[in-house]
Protein backbone atom coordinates (compact mmCIF):
# COMPACT_ATOMS: atom_id res chain seq x y z
CA MET A 1 -0.01 0.00 -0.01
CA PRO A 2 1.33 3.51 -0.74
CA GLY A 3 2.45 5.40 2.34
CA CYS A 4 2.41 2.27 4.49
CA ARG A 5 5.77 0.97 5.66
CA ARG A 6 6.17 -2.40 7.24
CA GLN A 7 9.00 -2.87 9.66
CA ARG A 8 10.36 -6.37 9.78
CA MET A 9 11.64 -7.61 13.10
CA SER A 10 13.92 -10.60 13.36
CA SER A 11 12.36 -13.57 15.14
CA SER A 12 15.12 -13.67 17.75
CA SER A 13 14.55 -10.06 18.84
CA SER A 14 10.76 -10.48 18.97
CA THR A 15 11.12 -13.69 21.00
CA LYS A 16 13.47 -11.94 23.44
CA SER A 17 11.13 -9.04 23.96
CA LEU A 18 8.09 -11.32 24.45
CA SER A 19 9.91 -13.48 26.98
CA ALA A 20 11.35 -10.54 28.86
CA THR A 21 8.10 -8.62 29.16
CA SER A 22 5.56 -11.34 29.79
CA GLY A 23 7.62 -14.10 31.40
CA ALA A 24 5.85 -16.60 29.18
CA ILE A 25 7.56 -19.17 26.99
CA PRO A 26 7.21 -18.24 23.33
CA HIS A 27 5.67 -20.73 20.93
CA SER A 28 7.96 -22.08 18.24
CA PHE A 29 6.30 -19.87 15.65
CA GLY A 30 7.11 -16.69 17.57
CA SER A 31 3.69 -16.22 19.20
CA LEU A 32 2.91 -16.94 22.82
CA HIS A 33 1.81 -20.43 23.80
CA ASP A 34 -1.91 -20.32 24.65
CA ALA A 35 -2.98 -22.56 27.51
CA ASP A 36 -6.07 -23.29 29.58
CA GLU A 37 -6.38 -22.88 33.36
CA HIS A 38 -4.36 -26.11 33.92
CA GLY A 39 -1.50 -25.06 31.65
CA LEU A 40 -2.55 -27.47 28.90
CA PRO A 41 -2.51 -26.14 25.34
CA LEU A 42 -5.69 -24.90 23.74
CA HIS A 43 -6.47 -26.43 20.36
CA ARG A 44 -7.50 -24.78 17.15
CA GLY A 45 -10.96 -25.69 15.91
CA ARG A 46 -12.30 -25.95 12.39
CA ALA A 47 -12.40 -22.20 11.95
CA ASN A 48 -8.75 -21.95 13.17
CA ARG A 49 -9.89 -20.19 16.35
CA LEU A 50 -8.36 -21.02 19.70
CA GLN A 51 -10.85 -23.03 21.73
CA GLU A 52 -11.03 -24.91 24.96
CA ARG A 53 -9.45 -28.32 24.81
CA PRO A 54 -11.88 -31.22 24.40
CA ARG A 55 -13.63 -32.52 27.52
CA LEU A 56 -13.65 -36.20 28.43
CA ALA A 57 -15.38 -38.42 30.96
CA ILE A 58 -15.16 -42.19 31.45
CA VAL A 59 -18.76 -43.49 31.36
CA ASP A 60 -18.35 -47.30 31.29
CA ARG A 61 -15.88 -50.22 31.27
CA PRO A 62 -17.39 -52.65 28.71
CA SER A 63 -14.42 -55.04 29.02
CA PRO A 64 -11.00 -55.23 30.72
CA ARG A 65 -9.30 -53.77 27.61
CA THR A 66 -11.84 -51.07 26.69
CA VAL A 67 -13.42 -47.98 28.20
CA ALA A 68 -16.41 -46.00 26.98
CA VAL A 69 -15.73 -42.29 26.89
CA ALA A 70 -17.93 -39.24 26.49
CA CYS A 71 -15.83 -36.76 24.52
CA TRP A 72 -16.87 -33.36 23.27
CA ALA A 73 -15.31 -30.14 21.98
CA PRO A 74 -17.67 -27.18 22.15
CA GLY A 75 -18.84 -26.24 18.64
CA GLU A 76 -16.81 -29.06 17.07
CA TYR A 77 -18.07 -32.53 17.90
CA HIS A 78 -19.76 -34.67 20.58
CA TYR A 79 -19.34 -38.40 21.15
CA GLY A 80 -21.63 -39.52 23.98
CA TYR A 81 -20.54 -43.18 24.16
CA GLN A 82 -17.30 -43.76 22.26
CA VAL A 83 -15.41 -47.04 22.77
CA TRP A 84 -11.66 -46.67 23.29
CA THR A 85 -9.35 -49.72 23.15
CA GLN A 86 -6.00 -50.44 24.76
CA ALA A 87 -2.93 -49.90 22.60
CA VAL A 88 0.75 -49.06 22.91
CA ALA A 89 1.60 -45.35 22.49
CA ARG A 90 3.62 -44.78 19.30
CA ARG A 91 4.61 -41.26 20.36
CA SER A 92 4.95 -39.23 23.52
CA ALA A 93 1.93 -37.08 24.38
CA LEU A 94 -0.25 -35.81 27.21
CA CYS A 95 -3.14 -37.83 28.65
CA SER A 96 -6.31 -36.26 27.28
CA LEU A 97 -8.13 -37.02 30.54
CA THR A 98 -5.63 -35.84 33.18
CA GLY A 99 -2.82 -34.04 31.37
CA ALA A 100 -0.21 -36.55 32.66
CA ALA A 101 2.78 -37.31 30.47
CA ILE A 102 2.59 -40.37 28.20
CA ALA A 103 5.87 -41.82 26.94
CA ASP A 104 6.41 -43.70 23.72
CA GLY A 105 5.66 -47.39 24.55
CA ASP A 106 3.22 -46.74 27.44
CA LEU A 107 -0.14 -48.51 27.53
CA VAL A 108 -2.91 -46.12 26.50
CA TYR A 109 -6.56 -46.10 25.45
CA VAL A 110 -7.27 -44.70 21.99
CA PRO A 111 -10.56 -44.18 20.13
CA LYS A 112 -11.59 -47.32 18.26
CA ALA A 113 -10.70 -47.07 14.57
CA MET A 114 -13.75 -46.52 12.43
CA ASP A 115 -14.58 -45.38 8.93
CA PRO A 116 -14.64 -42.42 8.82
CA MET A 117 -12.01 -41.83 11.51
CA PRO A 118 -13.36 -39.99 14.54
CA ARG A 119 -12.32 -36.34 14.85
CA ASN A 120 -10.53 -37.10 18.10
CA ALA A 121 -8.53 -40.07 16.71
CA ASP A 122 -5.22 -38.51 17.82
CA MET A 123 -6.19 -38.41 21.52
CA MET A 124 -4.85 -40.85 24.16
CA ILE A 125 -5.72 -41.69 27.77
CA SER A 126 -3.07 -43.25 29.99
CA VAL A 127 -4.09 -46.70 31.27
CA VAL A 128 -2.30 -45.91 34.55
CA GLN A 129 -4.49 -42.83 35.07
CA VAL A 130 -7.70 -44.83 34.60
CA GLY A 131 -6.56 -47.75 36.74
CA GLY A 132 -6.81 -50.31 34.01
């Protein structure tokens, strides 16, 4: 635009100033890391807006290797009785129920594979946290 000058700031100087002024850890893309009241990251919904992280509740234990979970993300999806099966974690993550750390190789519950894949297919619940 004529008359409009854009000043480009190097990412290292912007990261320094954000860290120094707010005390927060900058996100890898140069913006601040957004978190909920428990310090867990907020997720981006379909419209790329920051939203609350999905809510979960264990509603049943149909078998020793499965749990039934109610899982919903406001404005995104709602699964009232979704069966999750035991599996071995293939990556480190956070437990979607408690926020506890999950290491690669830990026993976890994951949403049962279906066609089409559920929208929360990347979530995991630690078996240790559920007492399974």
